[in-house]
């Protein structure tokens, strides 16, 4: 199985929580693991906001690079992400959630483009068929 891992799952991995342990198990059994490049930026931003030192942030980002294939946004993916955003925005409204981020739409587009499942606990992905939900 192909897996796209989002920021939520990476954060749980680094925390070492039960969800992080489930993340580790799924990744160990996956055939292919992908991390969108924007997930690196999103994780770095979170840790910087929390006051984590630059060296630790860099070490975690390096671990992410070593554990997965980093995927990049190109014109084709950006076009798919635009459609995914509209889909996620509609679902968010129905579920009374705040609007999804553009990051969320790119992650969903990456999963669809690769024919992969998205490993996450982000509410914006909860009921999507592409999702492996971390409970």
C-alpha atoms as a PDB file:
ATOM      1  CA  UNK A   1       0.000   0.000   0.000  1.00  0.00           C
ATOM      2  CA  UNK A   2       1.119   3.552  -0.773  1.00  0.00           C
ATOM      3  CA  UNK A   3       0.864   6.055   2.069  1.00  0.00           C
ATOM      4  CA  UNK A   4       0.966   9.853   2.069  1.00  0.00           C
ATOM      5  CA  UNK A   5       1.737  10.998   5.592  1.00  0.00           C
ATOM      6  CA  UNK A   6       0.549  14.404   6.682  1.00  0.00           C
ATOM      7  CA  UNK A   7       1.747  16.778   9.382  1.00  0.00           C
ATOM      8  CA  UNK A   8      -0.672  15.428  11.975  1.00  0.00           C
ATOM      9  CA  UNK A   9       0.728  11.903  11.694  1.00  0.00           C
ATOM     10  CA  UNK A  10       4.353  13.091  11.736  1.00  0.00           C
ATOM     11  CA  UNK A  11       3.725  15.144  14.879  1.00  0.00           C
ATOM     12  CA  UNK A  12       2.161  12.130  16.597  1.00  0.00           C
ATOM     13  CA  UNK A  13       5.183  10.059  15.535  1.00  0.00           C
ATOM     14  CA  UNK A  14       7.581  12.526  17.151  1.00  0.00           C
ATOM     15  CA  UNK A  15       5.458  12.799  20.309  1.00  0.00           C
ATOM     16  CA  UNK A  16       5.516   9.006  20.634  1.00  0.00           C
ATOM     17  CA  UNK A  17       1.801   8.870  21.432  1.00  0.00           C
ATOM     18  CA  UNK A  18      -0.506   5.903  20.784  1.00  0.00           C
ATOM     19  CA  UNK A  19      -1.420   7.542  17.488  1.00  0.00           C
ATOM     20  CA  UNK A  20       2.308   7.890  16.832  1.00  0.00           C
ATOM     21  CA  UNK A  21       2.806   4.191  17.511  1.00  0.00           C
ATOM     22  CA  UNK A  22      -0.017   3.398  15.083  1.00  0.00           C
ATOM     23  CA  UNK A  23       1.651   5.718  12.566  1.00  0.00           C
ATOM     24  CA  UNK A  24       4.944   3.849  12.966  1.00  0.00           C
ATOM     25  CA  UNK A  25       3.238   0.479  12.502  1.00  0.00           C
ATOM     26  CA  UNK A  26       1.442   1.601   9.333  1.00  0.00           C
ATOM     27  CA  UNK A  27       4.610   3.120   7.881  1.00  0.00           C
ATOM     28  CA  UNK A  28       6.645  -0.020   8.602  1.00  0.00           C
ATOM     29  CA  UNK A  29       4.106  -2.106   6.679  1.00  0.00           C
ATOM     30  CA  UNK A  30       3.625   0.320   3.777  1.00  0.00           C
ATOM     31  CA  UNK A  31       5.064  -0.454   0.361  1.00  0.00           C
ATOM     32  CA  UNK A  32       5.774   3.200  -0.365  1.00  0.00           C
ATOM     33  CA  UNK A  33       5.693   6.260   1.907  1.00  0.00           C
ATOM     34  CA  UNK A  34       5.423   9.842   0.653  1.00  0.00           C
ATOM     35  CA  UNK A  35       5.602  13.194   2.406  1.00  0.00           C
ATOM     36  CA  UNK A  36       4.527  16.312   0.492  1.00  0.00           C
ATOM     37  CA  UNK A  37       7.171  19.027   0.635  1.00  0.00           C
ATOM     38  CA  UNK A  38       4.732  21.423   2.271  1.00  0.00           C
ATOM     39  CA  UNK A  39       4.412  19.028   5.211  1.00  0.00           C
ATOM     40  CA  UNK A  40       8.072  19.686   5.989  1.00  0.00           C
ATOM     41  CA  UNK A  41       7.315  23.407   6.135  1.00  0.00           C
ATOM     42  CA  UNK A  42       4.171  22.923   8.191  1.00  0.00           C
ATOM     43  CA  UNK A  43       5.959  20.748  10.772  1.00  0.00           C
ATOM     44  CA  UNK A  44       8.865  23.211  10.961  1.00  0.00           C
ATOM     45  CA  UNK A  45       6.453  26.116  11.491  1.00  0.00           C
ATOM     46  CA  UNK A  46       4.667  24.278  14.312  1.00  0.00           C
ATOM     47  CA  UNK A  47       7.896  23.525  16.132  1.00  0.00           C
ATOM     48  CA  UNK A  48       9.259  27.040  15.636  1.00  0.00           C
ATOM     49  CA  UNK A  49       6.055  28.468  17.137  1.00  0.00           C
ATOM     50  CA  UNK A  50       6.541  26.148  20.120  1.00  0.00           C
ATOM     51  CA  UNK A  51      10.073  27.456  20.634  1.00  0.00           C
ATOM     52  CA  UNK A  52      11.852  24.242  19.704  1.00  0.00           C
ATOM     53  CA  UNK A  53      15.478  24.891  18.801  1.00  0.00           C
ATOM     54  CA  UNK A  54      16.542  24.969  15.144  1.00  0.00           C
ATOM     55  CA  UNK A  55      18.827  21.944  15.498  1.00  0.00           C
ATOM     56  CA  UNK A  56      15.997  19.726  16.779  1.00  0.00           C
ATOM     57  CA  UNK A  57      13.680  20.979  14.043  1.00  0.00           C
ATOM     58  CA  UNK A  58      16.287  20.197  11.397  1.00  0.00           C
ATOM     59  CA  UNK A  59      16.885  16.711  12.862  1.00  0.00           C
ATOM     60  CA  UNK A  60      13.163  15.911  12.716  1.00  0.00           C
ATOM     61  CA  UNK A  61      12.835  17.190   9.165  1.00  0.00           C
ATOM     62  CA  UNK A  62      15.836  15.090   8.171  1.00  0.00           C
ATOM     63  CA  UNK A  63      14.206  12.040   9.752  1.00  0.00           C
ATOM     64  CA  UNK A  64      11.097  12.718   7.680  1.00  0.00           C
ATOM     65  CA  UNK A  65      13.221  12.919   4.510  1.00  0.00           C
ATOM     66  CA  UNK A  66      14.994   9.663   5.335  1.00  0.00           C
ATOM     67  CA  UNK A  67      11.786   7.781   6.162  1.00  0.00           C
ATOM     68  CA  UNK A  68       9.790   8.803   3.091  1.00  0.00           C
ATOM     69  CA  UNK A  69       9.886  10.050  -0.465  1.00  0.00           C
ATOM     70  CA  UNK A  70       9.480  13.827  -0.523  1.00  0.00           C
ATOM     71  CA  UNK A  71       7.027  14.861  -3.223  1.00  0.00           C
ATOM     72  CA  UNK A  72       6.816  18.276  -4.839  1.00  0.00           C
ATOM     73  CA  UNK A  73       4.078  20.490  -6.207  1.00  0.00           C
ATOM     74  CA  UNK A  74       4.005  20.885  -9.968  1.00  0.00           C
ATOM     75  CA  UNK A  75       1.407  22.410 -12.309  1.00  0.00           C
ATOM     76  CA  UNK A  76      -0.615  19.195 -12.622  1.00  0.00           C
ATOM     77  CA  UNK A  77      -0.764  18.673  -8.857  1.00  0.00           C
ATOM     78  CA  UNK A  78      -1.644  22.335  -8.262  1.00  0.00           C
ATOM     79  CA  UNK A  79      -4.626  21.990 -10.597  1.00  0.00           C
ATOM     80  CA  UNK A  80      -5.814  18.867  -8.757  1.00  0.00           C
ATOM     81  CA  UNK A  81      -5.298  20.648  -5.420  1.00  0.00           C
ATOM     82  CA  UNK A  82      -7.599  23.465  -6.510  1.00  0.00           C
ATOM     83  CA  UNK A  83     -10.413  20.976  -7.121  1.00  0.00           C
ATOM     84  CA  UNK A  84      -9.608  19.158  -3.876  1.00  0.00           C
ATOM     85  CA  UNK A  85      -9.821  22.427  -1.968  1.00  0.00           C
ATOM     86  CA  UNK A  86     -13.345  23.054  -3.230  1.00  0.00           C
ATOM     87  CA  UNK A  87     -14.344  19.498  -2.270  1.00  0.00           C
ATOM     88  CA  UNK A  88     -12.839  19.859   1.206  1.00  0.00           C
ATOM     89  CA  UNK A  89     -14.389  23.304   1.685  1.00  0.00           C
ATOM     90  CA  UNK A  90     -17.842  21.897   0.918  1.00  0.00           C
ATOM     91  CA  UNK A  91     -17.297  18.962   3.306  1.00  0.00           C
ATOM     92  CA  UNK A  92     -16.058  21.332   6.035  1.00  0.00           C
ATOM     93  CA  UNK A  93     -19.196  23.427   5.739  1.00  0.00           C
ATOM     94  CA  UNK A  94     -21.392  20.315   6.049  1.00  0.00           C
ATOM     95  CA  UNK A  95     -19.406  19.164   9.094  1.00  0.00           C
ATOM     96  CA  UNK A  96     -19.370  22.659  10.631  1.00  0.00           C
ATOM     97  CA  UNK A  97     -15.560  22.822  10.545  1.00  0.00           C
ATOM     98  CA  UNK A  98     -13.437  25.835   9.728  1.00  0.00           C
ATOM     99  CA  UNK A  99     -12.273  25.957   6.126  1.00  0.00           C
ATOM    100  CA  UNK A 100      -9.432  23.589   5.275  1.00  0.00           C
ATOM    101  CA  UNK A 101      -5.998  24.956   4.572  1.00  0.00           C
ATOM    102  CA  UNK A 102      -4.484  24.942   1.120  1.00  0.00           C
ATOM    103  CA  UNK A 103      -1.928  22.523   2.651  1.00  0.00           C
ATOM    104  CA  UNK A 104      -4.788  20.071   3.266  1.00  0.00           C
ATOM    105  CA  UNK A 105      -5.889  20.302  -0.355  1.00  0.00           C
ATOM    106  CA  UNK A 106      -2.348  19.688  -1.615  1.00  0.00           C
ATOM    107  CA  UNK A 107      -2.039  16.627   0.625  1.00  0.00           C
ATOM    108  CA  UNK A 108      -5.359  15.261  -0.658  1.00  0.00           C
ATOM    109  CA  UNK A 109      -4.307  15.965  -4.254  1.00  0.00           C
ATOM    110  CA  UNK A 110      -1.023  14.144  -3.632  1.00  0.00           C
ATOM    111  CA  UNK A 111      -2.877  11.096  -2.323  1.00  0.00           C
ATOM    112  CA  UNK A 112      -5.248  11.068  -5.288  1.00  0.00           C
ATOM    113  CA  UNK A 113      -2.439  11.589  -7.810  1.00  0.00           C
ATOM    114  CA  UNK A 114      -0.340   8.767  -6.367  1.00  0.00           C
ATOM    115  CA  UNK A 115      -3.253   6.391  -5.776  1.00  0.00           C
ATOM    116  CA  UNK A 116      -2.257   6.436  -2.103  1.00  0.00           C
ATOM    117  CA  UNK A 117      -4.006   6.526   1.249  1.00  0.00           C
ATOM    118  CA  UNK A 118      -3.492   9.567   3.469  1.00  0.00           C
ATOM    119  CA  UNK A 119      -2.442   8.863   7.050  1.00  0.00           C
ATOM    120  CA  UNK A 120      -3.937  11.564   9.270  1.00  0.00           C
ATOM    121  CA  UNK A 121      -6.070  12.539  12.219  1.00  0.00           C
ATOM    122  CA  UNK A 122      -7.011  15.924  10.749  1.00  0.00           C
ATOM    123  CA  UNK A 123     -10.809  16.357  10.892  1.00  0.00           C
ATOM    124  CA  UNK A 124     -10.893  17.698   7.320  1.00  0.00           C
ATOM    125  CA  UNK A 125      -9.949  14.231   6.046  1.00  0.00           C
ATOM    126  CA  UNK A 126     -12.095  12.130   8.383  1.00  0.00           C
ATOM    127  CA  UNK A 127     -14.780  10.898   6.004  1.00  0.00           C
ATOM    128  CA  UNK A 128     -12.792  10.868   2.779  1.00  0.00           C
ATOM    129  CA  UNK A 129     -12.240   7.475   1.120  1.00  0.00           C
ATOM    130  CA  UNK A 130      -8.520   8.249   0.703  1.00  0.00           C
ATOM    131  CA  UNK A 131      -8.009   8.460   4.472  1.00  0.00           C
ATOM    132  CA  UNK A 132      -6.469   6.102   6.992  1.00  0.00           C
ATOM    133  CA  UNK A 133      -7.798   7.667  10.167  1.00  0.00           C
ATOM    134  CA  UNK A 134      -5.662   7.822  13.305  1.00  0.00           C
ATOM    135  CA  UNK A 135      -8.010   7.306  16.245  1.00  0.00           C
END
